PDB file of N, CA and C in Angstrom:
ATOM      1  N   GLN A   1     -28.303 -82.577-123.422  1.00  0.00           N
ATOM      2  CA  GLN A   1     -28.000 -81.773-123.207  1.00  0.00           C
ATOM      3  C   GLN A   1     -28.500 -80.702-122.543  1.00  0.00           C
ATOM      4  N   VAL A   2     -28.416 -79.533-120.822  1.00  0.00           N
ATOM      5  CA  VAL A   2     -28.748 -78.761-120.352  1.00  0.00           C
ATOM      6  C   VAL A   2     -27.676 -77.601-119.948  1.00  0.00           C
ATOM      7  N   GLN A   3     -28.423 -76.413-119.973  1.00  0.00           N
ATOM      8  CA  GLN A   3     -28.447 -74.950-120.609  1.00  0.00           C
ATOM      9  C   GLN A   3     -28.635 -74.252-119.238  1.00  0.00           C
ATOM     10  N   LEU A   4     -27.121 -74.680-119.168  1.00  0.00           N
ATOM     11  CA  LEU A   4     -27.861 -73.810-117.797  1.00  0.00           C
ATOM     12  C   LEU A   4     -27.132 -71.836-118.021  1.00  0.00           C
ATOM     13  N   VAL A   5     -27.467 -71.007-117.163  1.00  0.00           N
ATOM     14  CA  VAL A   5     -27.613 -70.212-117.268  1.00  0.00           C
ATOM     15  C   VAL A   5     -27.354 -69.240-115.912  1.00  0.00           C
ATOM     16  N   GLU A   6     -26.335 -68.622-115.890  1.00  0.00           N
ATOM     17  CA  GLU A   6     -26.502 -68.007-114.047  1.00  0.00           C
ATOM     18  C   GLU A   6     -26.482 -66.670-114.470  1.00  0.00           C
ATOM     19  N   SER A   7     -27.043 -65.920-113.571  1.00  0.00           N
ATOM     20  CA  SER A   7     -26.971 -64.485-113.417  1.00  0.00           C
ATOM     21  C   SER A   7     -26.918 -63.746-112.496  1.00  0.00           C
ATOM     22  N   GLY A   8     -26.795 -62.146-112.242  1.00  0.00           N
ATOM     23  CA  GLY A   8     -26.860 -61.676-111.064  1.00  0.00           C
ATOM     24  C   GLY A   8     -26.245 -61.216-110.537  1.00  0.00           C
ATOM     25  N   GLY A   9     -24.934 -61.710-110.782  1.00  0.00           N
ATOM     26  CA  GLY A   9     -23.375 -61.002-110.499  1.00  0.00           C
ATOM     27  C   GLY A   9     -23.268 -60.117-110.763  1.00  0.00           C
ATOM     28  N   GLY A  10     -22.089 -59.081-109.843  1.00  0.00           N
ATOM     29  CA  GLY A  10     -21.815 -57.483-110.044  1.00  0.00           C
ATOM     30  C   GLY A  10     -20.744 -57.477-109.199  1.00  0.00           C
ATOM     31  N   SER A  11     -20.321 -55.653-108.637  1.00  0.00           N
ATOM     32  CA  SER A  11     -20.023 -55.530-107.760  1.00  0.00           C
ATOM     33  C   SER A  11     -19.976 -54.880-107.009  1.00  0.00           C
ATOM     34  N   VAL A  12     -19.558 -55.252-105.904  1.00  0.00           N
ATOM     35  CA  VAL A  12     -20.045 -54.157-104.201  1.00  0.00           C
ATOM     36  C   VAL A  12     -18.478 -54.699-103.606  1.00  0.00           C
ATOM     37  N   GLN A  13     -19.682 -52.873-102.646  1.00  0.00           N
ATOM     38  CA  GLN A  13     -18.429 -53.227-101.074  1.00  0.00           C
ATOM     39  C   GLN A  13     -18.054 -53.958 -99.801  1.00  0.00           C
ATOM     40  N   THR A  14     -17.578 -54.096 -99.012  1.00  0.00           N
ATOM     41  CA  THR A  14     -17.273 -55.607 -98.507  1.00  0.00           C
ATOM     42  C   THR A  14     -18.415 -54.957 -97.428  1.00  0.00           C
ATOM     43  N   GLY A  15     -19.233 -56.498 -96.855  1.00  0.00           N
ATOM     44  CA  GLY A  15     -20.693 -56.160 -96.053  1.00  0.00           C
ATOM     45  C   GLY A  15     -21.821 -55.976 -97.140  1.00  0.00           C
ATOM     46  N   GLY A  16     -21.705 -55.807 -98.690  1.00  0.00           N
ATOM     47  CA  GLY A  16     -22.768 -55.844 -99.596  1.00  0.00           C
ATOM     48  C   GLY A  16     -22.932 -57.144 -99.658  1.00  0.00           C
ATOM     49  N   SER A  17     -24.383 -57.336-100.638  1.00  0.00           N
ATOM     50  CA  SER A  17     -24.890 -58.583-100.612  1.00  0.00           C
ATOM     51  C   SER A  17     -25.074 -59.062-102.387  1.00  0.00           C
ATOM     52  N   LEU A  18     -25.304 -59.789-102.970  1.00  0.00           N
ATOM     53  CA  LEU A  18     -25.858 -59.848-104.471  1.00  0.00           C
ATOM     54  C   LEU A  18     -26.663 -61.627-104.046  1.00  0.00           C
ATOM     55  N   ARG A  19     -27.737 -61.665-104.840  1.00  0.00           N
ATOM     56  CA  ARG A  19     -28.431 -63.003-105.287  1.00  0.00           C
ATOM     57  C   ARG A  19     -28.253 -63.432-106.593  1.00  0.00           C
ATOM     58  N   LEU A  20     -27.849 -64.751-106.635  1.00  0.00           N
ATOM     59  CA  LEU A  20     -27.414 -64.780-107.664  1.00  0.00           C
ATOM     60  C   LEU A  20     -28.234 -66.311-108.432  1.00  0.00           C
ATOM     61  N   SER A  21     -28.652 -66.323-109.718  1.00  0.00           N
ATOM     62  CA  SER A  21     -29.764 -66.875-109.988  1.00  0.00           C
ATOM     63  C   SER A  21     -29.625 -68.133-111.391  1.00  0.00           C
ATOM     64  N   CYS A  22     -30.082 -69.368-111.140  1.00  0.00           N
ATOM     65  CA  CYS A  22     -29.602 -70.100-112.641  1.00  0.00           C
ATOM     66  C   CYS A  22     -31.198 -70.813-112.926  1.00  0.00           C
ATOM     67  N   ALA A  23     -31.280 -70.063-113.574  1.00  0.00           N
ATOM     68  CA  ALA A  23     -32.290 -70.697-114.633  1.00  0.00           C
ATOM     69  C   ALA A  23     -31.977 -72.466-115.624  1.00  0.00           C
ATOM     70  N   LEU A  24     -33.450 -73.488-115.237  1.00  0.00           N
ATOM     71  CA  LEU A  24     -33.138 -74.638-115.731  1.00  0.00           C
ATOM     72  C   LEU A  24     -34.352 -74.956-116.803  1.00  0.00           C
ATOM     73  N   PRO A  25     -34.063 -75.753-117.120  1.00  0.00           N
ATOM     74  CA  PRO A  25     -35.121 -76.124-118.566  1.00  0.00           C
ATOM     75  C   PRO A  25     -36.016 -76.425-117.134  1.00  0.00           C
ATOM     76  N   GLN A  26     -37.639 -76.390-118.199  1.00  0.00           N
ATOM     77  CA  GLN A  26     -38.237 -76.721-118.089  1.00  0.00           C
ATOM     78  C   GLN A  26     -38.343 -78.644-117.936  1.00  0.00           C
ATOM     79  N   THR A  27     -37.884 -78.790-118.281  1.00  0.00           N
ATOM     80  CA  THR A  27     -37.541 -80.418-118.355  1.00  0.00           C
ATOM     81  C   THR A  27     -37.518 -80.695-117.003  1.00  0.00           C
ATOM     82  N   ILE A  28     -37.040 -80.382-116.412  1.00  0.00           N
ATOM     83  CA  ILE A  28     -35.926 -81.413-115.473  1.00  0.00           C
ATOM     84  C   ILE A  28     -36.812 -80.903-114.342  1.00  0.00           C
ATOM     85  N   PHE A  29     -36.569 -82.435-113.440  1.00  0.00           N
ATOM     86  CA  PHE A  29     -37.586 -83.066-112.591  1.00  0.00           C
ATOM     87  C   PHE A  29     -36.705 -82.516-111.362  1.00  0.00           C
ATOM     88  N   SER A  30     -37.797 -82.532-110.776  1.00  0.00           N
ATOM     89  CA  SER A  30     -38.412 -81.893-109.600  1.00  0.00           C
ATOM     90  C   SER A  30     -37.408 -82.094-108.730  1.00  0.00           C
ATOM     91  N   GLY A  31     -37.491 -83.310-108.042  1.00  0.00           N
ATOM     92  CA  GLY A  31     -36.675 -84.079-107.047  1.00  0.00           C
ATOM     93  C   GLY A  31     -34.658 -83.772-107.938  1.00  0.00           C
ATOM     94  N   TYR A  32     -34.285 -82.760-107.748  1.00  0.00           N
ATOM     95  CA  TYR A  32     -32.422 -82.658-108.709  1.00  0.00           C
ATOM     96  C   TYR A  32     -32.175 -82.504-107.067  1.00  0.00           C
ATOM     97  N   HIS A  33     -30.780 -82.405-106.920  1.00  0.00           N
ATOM     98  CA  HIS A  33     -29.731 -81.942-106.411  1.00  0.00           C
ATOM     99  C   HIS A  33     -29.006 -81.501-107.007  1.00  0.00           C
ATOM    100  N   MET A  34     -29.178 -79.646-106.655  1.00  0.00           N
ATOM    101  CA  MET A  34     -28.435 -78.534-106.723  1.00  0.00           C
ATOM    102  C   MET A  34     -27.064 -78.335-106.506  1.00  0.00           C
ATOM    103  N   GLY A  35     -26.462 -77.642-106.614  1.00  0.00           N
ATOM    104  CA  GLY A  35     -25.280 -77.173-106.136  1.00  0.00           C
ATOM    105  C   GLY A  35     -25.042 -75.502-106.704  1.00  0.00           C
ATOM    106  N   TRP A  36     -24.468 -74.707-106.221  1.00  0.00           N
ATOM    107  CA  TRP A  36     -23.677 -73.446-106.580  1.00  0.00           C
ATOM    108  C   TRP A  36     -21.838 -73.509-105.910  1.00  0.00           C
ATOM    109  N   TYR A  37     -20.721 -73.287-107.476  1.00  0.00           N
ATOM    110  CA  TYR A  37     -20.095 -73.149-107.378  1.00  0.00           C
ATOM    111  C   TYR A  37     -18.718 -71.761-107.408  1.00  0.00           C
ATOM    112  N   ARG A  38     -17.890 -72.026-107.247  1.00  0.00           N
ATOM    113  CA  ARG A  38     -17.385 -71.117-107.080  1.00  0.00           C
ATOM    114  C   ARG A  38     -16.108 -70.785-108.113  1.00  0.00           C
ATOM    115  N   GLN A  39     -15.332 -70.020-108.304  1.00  0.00           N
ATOM    116  CA  GLN A  39     -13.846 -70.485-109.217  1.00  0.00           C
ATOM    117  C   GLN A  39     -13.382 -68.780-109.527  1.00  0.00           C
ATOM    118  N   ALA A  40     -12.307 -68.556-108.321  1.00  0.00           N
ATOM    119  CA  ALA A  40     -10.961 -67.624-108.346  1.00  0.00           C
ATOM    120  C   ALA A  40      -9.521 -67.840-108.848  1.00  0.00           C
ATOM    121  N   PRO A  41      -9.333 -66.326-109.653  1.00  0.00           N
ATOM    122  CA  PRO A  41      -8.077 -66.701-111.042  1.00  0.00           C
ATOM    123  C   PRO A  41      -7.731 -67.372-109.573  1.00  0.00           C
ATOM    124  N   GLY A  42      -6.522 -68.676-110.638  1.00  0.00           N
ATOM    125  CA  GLY A  42      -6.031 -69.324-110.316  1.00  0.00           C
ATOM    126  C   GLY A  42      -6.217 -70.412-109.188  1.00  0.00           C
ATOM    127  N   LYS A  43      -6.537 -70.361-109.324  1.00  0.00           N
ATOM    128  CA  LYS A  43      -8.113 -71.295-107.632  1.00  0.00           C
ATOM    129  C   LYS A  43      -8.124 -72.535-108.442  1.00  0.00           C
ATOM    130  N   GLN A  44      -8.498 -73.367-107.884  1.00  0.00           N
ATOM    131  CA  GLN A  44      -9.946 -74.715-108.955  1.00  0.00           C
ATOM    132  C   GLN A  44     -10.905 -74.062-108.095  1.00  0.00           C
ATOM    133  N   ARG A  45     -12.197 -75.030-109.155  1.00  0.00           N
ATOM    134  CA  ARG A  45     -13.130 -74.919-108.927  1.00  0.00           C
ATOM    135  C   ARG A  45     -13.867 -75.220-107.141  1.00  0.00           C
ATOM    136  N   GLU A  46     -14.927 -74.895-106.666  1.00  0.00           N
ATOM    137  CA  GLU A  46     -14.810 -75.593-105.843  1.00  0.00           C
ATOM    138  C   GLU A  46     -17.066 -75.503-104.723  1.00  0.00           C
ATOM    139  N   LEU A  47     -17.433 -76.203-104.802  1.00  0.00           N
ATOM    140  CA  LEU A  47     -18.822 -76.599-104.364  1.00  0.00           C
ATOM    141  C   LEU A  47     -18.799 -75.430-103.359  1.00  0.00           C
ATOM    142  N   VAL A  48     -19.475 -74.447-103.003  1.00  0.00           N
ATOM    143  CA  VAL A  48     -20.037 -73.758-101.603  1.00  0.00           C
ATOM    144  C   VAL A  48     -21.407 -73.664-101.249  1.00  0.00           C
ATOM    145  N   ALA A  49     -22.092 -74.637-102.101  1.00  0.00           N
ATOM    146  CA  ALA A  49     -23.218 -74.816-101.726  1.00  0.00           C
ATOM    147  C   ALA A  49     -24.315 -76.098-102.284  1.00  0.00           C
ATOM    148  N   HIS A  50     -24.785 -76.416-101.667  1.00  0.00           N
ATOM    149  CA  HIS A  50     -25.477 -77.706-102.250  1.00  0.00           C
ATOM    150  C   HIS A  50     -27.125 -77.993-101.652  1.00  0.00           C
ATOM    151  N   LEU A  51     -27.848 -78.143-102.025  1.00  0.00           N
ATOM    152  CA  LEU A  51     -29.097 -78.262-102.043  1.00  0.00           C
ATOM    153  C   LEU A  51     -29.480 -79.902-102.555  1.00  0.00           C
ATOM    154  N   SER A  52     -30.274 -80.504-102.184  1.00  0.00           N
ATOM    155  CA  SER A  52     -30.873 -81.473-102.414  1.00  0.00           C
ATOM    156  C   SER A  52     -32.280 -81.530-102.866  1.00  0.00           C
ATOM    157  N   GLY A  53     -33.168 -82.360-103.488  1.00  0.00           N
ATOM    158  CA  GLY A  53     -34.374 -82.932-104.189  1.00  0.00           C
ATOM    159  C   GLY A  53     -35.080 -82.379-102.444  1.00  0.00           C
ATOM    160  N   GLY A  54     -34.748 -82.646-101.388  1.00  0.00           N
ATOM    161  CA  GLY A  54     -35.911 -83.278-100.416  1.00  0.00           C
ATOM    162  C   GLY A  54     -35.568 -81.736 -99.642  1.00  0.00           C
ATOM    163  N   GLY A  55     -34.594 -80.457-100.025  1.00  0.00           N
ATOM    164  CA  GLY A  55     -34.187 -79.627 -99.080  1.00  0.00           C
ATOM    165  C   GLY A  55     -33.621 -78.860 -98.382  1.00  0.00           C
ATOM    166  N   THR A  56     -32.587 -80.172 -97.769  1.00  0.00           N
ATOM    167  CA  THR A  56     -31.548 -80.439 -97.215  1.00  0.00           C
ATOM    168  C   THR A  56     -31.010 -79.256 -97.973  1.00  0.00           C
ATOM    169  N   ALA A  57     -29.871 -78.200 -97.065  1.00  0.00           N
ATOM    170  CA  ALA A  57     -28.427 -77.521 -97.500  1.00  0.00           C
ATOM    171  C   ALA A  57     -27.433 -77.641 -96.643  1.00  0.00           C
ATOM    172  N   VAL A  58     -26.447 -78.048 -97.289  1.00  0.00           N
ATOM    173  CA  VAL A  58     -24.733 -77.920 -96.989  1.00  0.00           C
ATOM    174  C   VAL A  58     -24.127 -76.902 -97.644  1.00  0.00           C
ATOM    175  N   TYR A  59     -23.460 -76.270 -96.976  1.00  0.00           N
ATOM    176  CA  TYR A  59     -22.271 -74.823 -97.106  1.00  0.00           C
ATOM    177  C   TYR A  59     -21.164 -75.618 -97.053  1.00  0.00           C
ATOM    178  N   ALA A  60     -20.174 -74.567 -97.251  1.00  0.00           N
ATOM    179  CA  ALA A  60     -18.369 -74.970 -97.090  1.00  0.00           C
ATOM    180  C   ALA A  60     -18.059 -74.184 -95.586  1.00  0.00           C
ATOM    181  N   ASP A  61     -17.451 -74.470 -94.995  1.00  0.00           N
ATOM    182  CA  ASP A  61     -17.300 -73.253 -94.290  1.00  0.00           C
ATOM    183  C   ASP A  61     -16.954 -72.415 -93.985  1.00  0.00           C
ATOM    184  N   SER A  62     -16.623 -71.685 -95.564  1.00  0.00           N
ATOM    185  CA  SER A  62     -15.742 -70.101 -95.349  1.00  0.00           C
ATOM    186  C   SER A  62     -17.241 -69.388 -96.019  1.00  0.00           C
ATOM    187  N   VAL A  63     -18.446 -70.024 -96.292  1.00  0.00           N
ATOM    188  CA  VAL A  63     -19.592 -69.364 -96.943  1.00  0.00           C
ATOM    189  C   VAL A  63     -20.605 -69.592 -94.841  1.00  0.00           C
ATOM    190  N   LYS A  64     -20.877 -70.453 -94.669  1.00  0.00           N
ATOM    191  CA  LYS A  64     -21.419 -70.930 -94.213  1.00  0.00           C
ATOM    192  C   LYS A  64     -21.884 -69.760 -92.740  1.00  0.00           C
ATOM    193  N   GLY A  65     -22.957 -69.627 -93.183  1.00  0.00           N
ATOM    194  CA  GLY A  65     -24.426 -68.101 -91.900  1.00  0.00           C
ATOM    195  C   GLY A  65     -24.020 -66.930 -93.024  1.00  0.00           C
ATOM    196  N   ARG A  66     -23.573 -67.048 -93.995  1.00  0.00           N
ATOM    197  CA  ARG A  66     -23.292 -65.701 -95.025  1.00  0.00           C
ATOM    198  C   ARG A  66     -24.244 -66.126 -96.672  1.00  0.00           C
ATOM    199  N   PHE A  67     -24.366 -67.087 -96.995  1.00  0.00           N
ATOM    200  CA  PHE A  67     -25.126 -67.298 -97.993  1.00  0.00           C
ATOM    201  C   PHE A  67     -26.110 -68.930 -97.786  1.00  0.00           C
ATOM    202  N   THR A  68     -26.816 -68.429 -98.384  1.00  0.00           N
ATOM    203  CA  THR A  68     -28.526 -69.574 -98.697  1.00  0.00           C
ATOM    204  C   THR A  68     -28.443 -69.758 -99.942  1.00  0.00           C
ATOM    205  N   ILE A  69     -29.057 -70.987-100.237  1.00  0.00           N
ATOM    206  CA  ILE A  69     -29.088 -71.499-101.237  1.00  0.00           C
ATOM    207  C   ILE A  69     -30.451 -71.987-101.506  1.00  0.00           C
ATOM    208  N   SER A  70     -31.332 -72.059-102.253  1.00  0.00           N
ATOM    209  CA  SER A  70     -32.657 -72.549-102.164  1.00  0.00           C
ATOM    210  C   SER A  70     -33.518 -72.234-103.760  1.00  0.00           C
ATOM    211  N   ARG A  71     -34.515 -72.210-103.762  1.00  0.00           N
ATOM    212  CA  ARG A  71     -35.067 -73.011-105.243  1.00  0.00           C
ATOM    213  C   ARG A  71     -36.387 -72.549-105.204  1.00  0.00           C
ATOM    214  N   ASP A  72     -36.510 -71.988-106.277  1.00  0.00           N
ATOM    215  CA  ASP A  72     -38.763 -72.156-107.270  1.00  0.00           C
ATOM    216  C   ASP A  72     -38.494 -72.894-108.069  1.00  0.00           C
ATOM    217  N   ASN A  73     -38.863 -74.009-107.498  1.00  0.00           N
ATOM    218  CA  ASN A  73     -39.743 -75.198-108.432  1.00  0.00           C
ATOM    219  C   ASN A  73     -40.923 -74.209-109.738  1.00  0.00           C
ATOM    220  N   ALA A  74     -41.762 -73.298-108.652  1.00  0.00           N
ATOM    221  CA  ALA A  74     -42.677 -73.376-110.522  1.00  0.00           C
ATOM    222  C   ALA A  74     -41.916 -72.264-111.216  1.00  0.00           C
ATOM    223  N   GLN A  75     -40.869 -71.849-110.711  1.00  0.00           N
ATOM    224  CA  GLN A  75     -39.630 -71.538-111.454  1.00  0.00           C
ATOM    225  C   GLN A  75     -38.983 -71.660-112.816  1.00  0.00           C
ATOM    226  N   ASN A  76     -38.598 -72.885-111.681  1.00  0.00           N
ATOM    227  CA  ASN A  76     -37.501 -73.905-111.991  1.00  0.00           C
ATOM    228  C   ASN A  76     -36.102 -73.430-112.176  1.00  0.00           C
ATOM    229  N   THR A  77     -35.788 -72.859-110.843  1.00  0.00           N
ATOM    230  CA  THR A  77     -35.046 -71.496-110.108  1.00  0.00           C
ATOM    231  C   THR A  77     -34.340 -71.750-109.454  1.00  0.00           C
ATOM    232  N   VAL A  78     -33.479 -72.039-109.577  1.00  0.00           N
ATOM    233  CA  VAL A  78     -32.264 -71.909-108.357  1.00  0.00           C
ATOM    234  C   VAL A  78     -31.546 -70.640-107.564  1.00  0.00           C
ATOM    235  N   TYR A  79     -31.306 -70.353-106.017  1.00  0.00           N
ATOM    236  CA  TYR A  79     -30.706 -68.859-105.911  1.00  0.00           C
ATOM    237  C   TYR A  79     -29.173 -69.416-104.575  1.00  0.00           C
ATOM    238  N   LEU A  80     -28.638 -67.960-105.113  1.00  0.00           N
ATOM    239  CA  LEU A  80     -27.537 -67.934-103.992  1.00  0.00           C
ATOM    240  C   LEU A  80     -27.591 -66.630-103.608  1.00  0.00           C
ATOM    241  N   GLN A  81     -28.465 -66.603-101.914  1.00  0.00           N
ATOM    242  CA  GLN A  81     -28.480 -64.879-101.548  1.00  0.00           C
ATOM    243  C   GLN A  81     -27.023 -64.983-100.784  1.00  0.00           C
ATOM    244  N   MET A  82     -26.839 -64.518-100.967  1.00  0.00           N
ATOM    245  CA  MET A  82     -25.114 -64.249-100.443  1.00  0.00           C
ATOM    246  C   MET A  82     -25.525 -62.870 -99.726  1.00  0.00           C
ATOM    247  N   ASN A  83     -25.201 -62.134 -98.666  1.00  0.00           N
ATOM    248  CA  ASN A  83     -24.412 -61.292 -97.402  1.00  0.00           C
ATOM    249  C   ASN A  83     -23.077 -61.659 -96.825  1.00  0.00           C
ATOM    250  N   SER A  84     -22.720 -60.310 -96.628  1.00  0.00           N
ATOM    251  CA  SER A  84     -21.457 -59.811 -95.670  1.00  0.00           C
ATOM    252  C   SER A  84     -20.852 -60.349 -96.014  1.00  0.00           C
ATOM    253  N   LEU A  85     -20.924 -60.124 -97.801  1.00  0.00           N
ATOM    254  CA  LEU A  85     -19.031 -60.645 -98.743  1.00  0.00           C
ATOM    255  C   LEU A  85     -18.231 -59.717 -98.116  1.00  0.00           C
ATOM    256  N   ASN A  86     -17.320 -60.571 -98.379  1.00  0.00           N
ATOM    257  CA  ASN A  86     -15.525 -60.169 -98.109  1.00  0.00           C
ATOM    258  C   ASN A  86     -15.228 -60.412 -99.251  1.00  0.00           C
ATOM    259  N   PRO A  87     -13.712 -59.664 -99.610  1.00  0.00           N
ATOM    260  CA  PRO A  87     -12.955 -59.950-101.380  1.00  0.00           C
ATOM    261  C   PRO A  87     -12.084 -61.162-101.035  1.00  0.00           C
ATOM    262  N   GLU A  88     -12.791 -62.289-100.275  1.00  0.00           N
ATOM    263  CA  GLU A  88     -12.430 -63.771-100.289  1.00  0.00           C
ATOM    264  C   GLU A  88     -13.618 -64.272-101.149  1.00  0.00           C
ATOM    265  N   ASP A  89     -14.935 -64.444-100.977  1.00  0.00           N
ATOM    266  CA  ASP A  89     -16.008 -64.075-102.320  1.00  0.00           C
ATOM    267  C   ASP A  89     -15.878 -63.787-103.651  1.00  0.00           C
ATOM    268  N   THR A  90     -14.959 -62.722-103.683  1.00  0.00           N
ATOM    269  CA  THR A  90     -13.989 -63.089-105.974  1.00  0.00           C
ATOM    270  C   THR A  90     -13.884 -63.828-106.430  1.00  0.00           C
ATOM    271  N   ALA A  91     -14.599 -63.604-106.953  1.00  0.00           N
ATOM    272  CA  ALA A  91     -14.619 -65.653-108.436  1.00  0.00           C
ATOM    273  C   ALA A  91     -15.760 -65.748-109.361  1.00  0.00           C
ATOM    274  N   VAL A  92     -15.960 -66.148-109.843  1.00  0.00           N
ATOM    275  CA  VAL A  92     -16.324 -66.484-110.860  1.00  0.00           C
ATOM    276  C   VAL A  92     -18.337 -67.849-110.415  1.00  0.00           C
ATOM    277  N   TYR A  93     -19.442 -67.493-110.582  1.00  0.00           N
ATOM    278  CA  TYR A  93     -19.805 -68.904-110.109  1.00  0.00           C
ATOM    279  C   TYR A  93     -20.535 -69.178-110.713  1.00  0.00           C
ATOM    280  N   TYR A  94     -21.000 -70.366-110.927  1.00  0.00           N
ATOM    281  CA  TYR A  94     -21.554 -71.437-111.261  1.00  0.00           C
ATOM    282  C   TYR A  94     -22.962 -72.216-110.387  1.00  0.00           C
ATOM    283  N   CYS A  95     -23.704 -72.684-110.893  1.00  0.00           N
ATOM    284  CA  CYS A  95     -24.454 -74.526-110.812  1.00  0.00           C
ATOM    285  C   CYS A  95     -24.452 -75.023-111.710  1.00  0.00           C
ATOM    286  N   ASN A  96     -24.588 -76.059-110.741  1.00  0.00           N
ATOM    287  CA  ASN A  96     -24.947 -77.365-111.703  1.00  0.00           C
ATOM    288  C   ASN A  96     -25.834 -78.408-110.979  1.00  0.00           C
ATOM    289  N   ARG A  97     -25.991 -79.649-110.937  1.00  0.00           N
ATOM    290  CA  ARG A  97     -26.326 -80.529-110.634  1.00  0.00           C
ATOM    291  C   ARG A  97     -25.612 -80.934-109.717  1.00  0.00           C
ATOM    292  N   GLY A  98     -26.149 -81.611-108.148  1.00  0.00           N
ATOM    293  CA  GLY A  98     -24.966 -82.169-107.858  1.00  0.00           C
ATOM    294  C   GLY A  98     -25.337 -83.181-106.835  1.00  0.00           C
ATOM    295  N   PRO A  99     -24.340 -83.982-107.620  1.00  0.00           N
ATOM    296  CA  PRO A  99     -22.750 -83.858-108.516  1.00  0.00           C
ATOM    297  C   PRO A  99     -22.802 -82.763-109.476  1.00  0.00           C
ATOM    298  N   ALA A 100     -21.872 -82.180-109.838  1.00  0.00           N
ATOM    299  CA  ALA A 100     -21.687 -81.555-111.185  1.00  0.00           C
ATOM    300  C   ALA A 100     -21.355 -82.709-112.380  1.00  0.00           C
ATOM    301  N   GLY A 101     -23.248 -82.917-113.200  1.00  0.00           N
ATOM    302  CA  GLY A 101     -23.212 -83.816-114.141  1.00  0.00           C
ATOM    303  C   GLY A 101     -23.993 -83.339-115.677  1.00  0.00           C
ATOM    304  N   TRP A 102     -23.712 -82.123-115.872  1.00  0.00           N
ATOM    305  CA  TRP A 102     -23.564 -81.232-117.097  1.00  0.00           C
ATOM    306  C   TRP A 102     -22.898 -80.100-116.829  1.00  0.00           C
ATOM    307  N   ASP A 103     -23.169 -79.988-118.240  1.00  0.00           N
ATOM    308  CA  ASP A 103     -21.845 -79.017-118.918  1.00  0.00           C
ATOM    309  C   ASP A 103     -22.037 -78.029-118.389  1.00  0.00           C
ATOM    310  N   TRP A 104     -20.431 -77.556-118.577  1.00  0.00           N
ATOM    311  CA  TRP A 104     -20.865 -76.085-116.972  1.00  0.00           C
ATOM    312  C   TRP A 104     -21.442 -74.490-118.456  1.00  0.00           C
ATOM    313  N   GLY A 105     -21.997 -74.051-117.475  1.00  0.00           N
ATOM    314  CA  GLY A 105     -22.458 -72.615-118.159  1.00  0.00           C
ATOM    315  C   GLY A 105     -21.317 -71.627-118.381  1.00  0.00           C
ATOM    316  N   GLN A 106     -21.689 -69.971-118.675  1.00  0.00           N
ATOM    317  CA  GLN A 106     -20.418 -69.653-118.529  1.00  0.00           C
ATOM    318  C   GLN A 106     -20.507 -68.887-117.118  1.00  0.00           C
ATOM    319  N   GLY A 107     -21.261 -69.335-115.756  1.00  0.00           N
ATOM    320  CA  GLY A 107     -21.084 -68.719-114.882  1.00  0.00           C
ATOM    321  C   GLY A 107     -21.271 -67.316-114.248  1.00  0.00           C
ATOM    322  N   THR A 108     -21.438 -66.233-113.432  1.00  0.00           N
ATOM    323  CA  THR A 108     -21.537 -64.643-113.478  1.00  0.00           C
ATOM    324  C   THR A 108     -21.027 -64.157-112.222  1.00  0.00           C
ATOM    325  N   GLN A 109     -19.600 -63.067-112.255  1.00  0.00           N
ATOM    326  CA  GLN A 109     -18.786 -62.725-112.329  1.00  0.00           C
ATOM    327  C   GLN A 109     -19.003 -61.886-110.779  1.00  0.00           C
ATOM    328  N   VAL A 110     -18.587 -62.763-110.018  1.00  0.00           N
ATOM    329  CA  VAL A 110     -18.837 -61.917-108.251  1.00  0.00           C
ATOM    330  C   VAL A 110     -17.895 -60.658-108.178  1.00  0.00           C
ATOM    331  N   THR A 111     -17.197 -59.427-107.684  1.00  0.00           N
ATOM    332  CA  THR A 111     -16.334 -58.706-107.381  1.00  0.00           C
ATOM    333  C   THR A 111     -16.822 -58.615-106.031  1.00  0.00           C
ATOM    334  N   VAL A 112     -16.136 -58.093-105.343  1.00  0.00           N
ATOM    335  CA  VAL A 112     -16.389 -57.795-103.828  1.00  0.00           C
ATOM    336  C   VAL A 112     -15.054 -57.046-103.172  1.00  0.00           C
ATOM    337  N   ALA A 113     -15.102 -55.561-103.380  1.00  0.00           N
ATOM    338  CA  ALA A 113     -14.099 -54.859-102.786  1.00  0.00           C
ATOM    339  C   ALA A 113     -14.181 -54.155-101.655  1.00  0.00           C
ATOM    340  N   SER A 114     -12.608 -54.425-101.142  1.00  0.00           N
ATOM    341  CA  SER A 114     -12.411 -53.945-100.124  1.00  0.00           C
ATOM    342  C   SER A 114     -12.717 -52.280 -99.119  1.00  0.00           C
TER     343      SER A 114
END
C-alpha cells in the first residue's frame, strides 16, 4: 500500500496563497496520474486538480485560474499552488492517484478567513 503524506496547509486571509505538497514513495512509477482533492465539513470529497503522466493539467471550474498542480519527479512530490484564496476554499486537502486508487492519507487543513 502507498502511504501519502500531505503538508503545507494553514490559515490565511482572503486573497492569500499557500502551496501544498504530497510526498510519494521512491518506488512510484514516473508516468502516474495524480490529483488533488478537498473535502469541506458536511460536503463530499471533490477533485479540484488533476495532472496526467504527460503533464496535462485539468481543474475544477471553481479553482481554474487560481490553482496550479505540478510535480517534481526528482523529489517524487506533487504540488498544489493556491493563489487568490477565498473562504469557499476552506477544506481538508488530499492527494491521490487519479482516479483515486490508493488509501487516503490524513490530508492537510486549509482555512481561509474573510
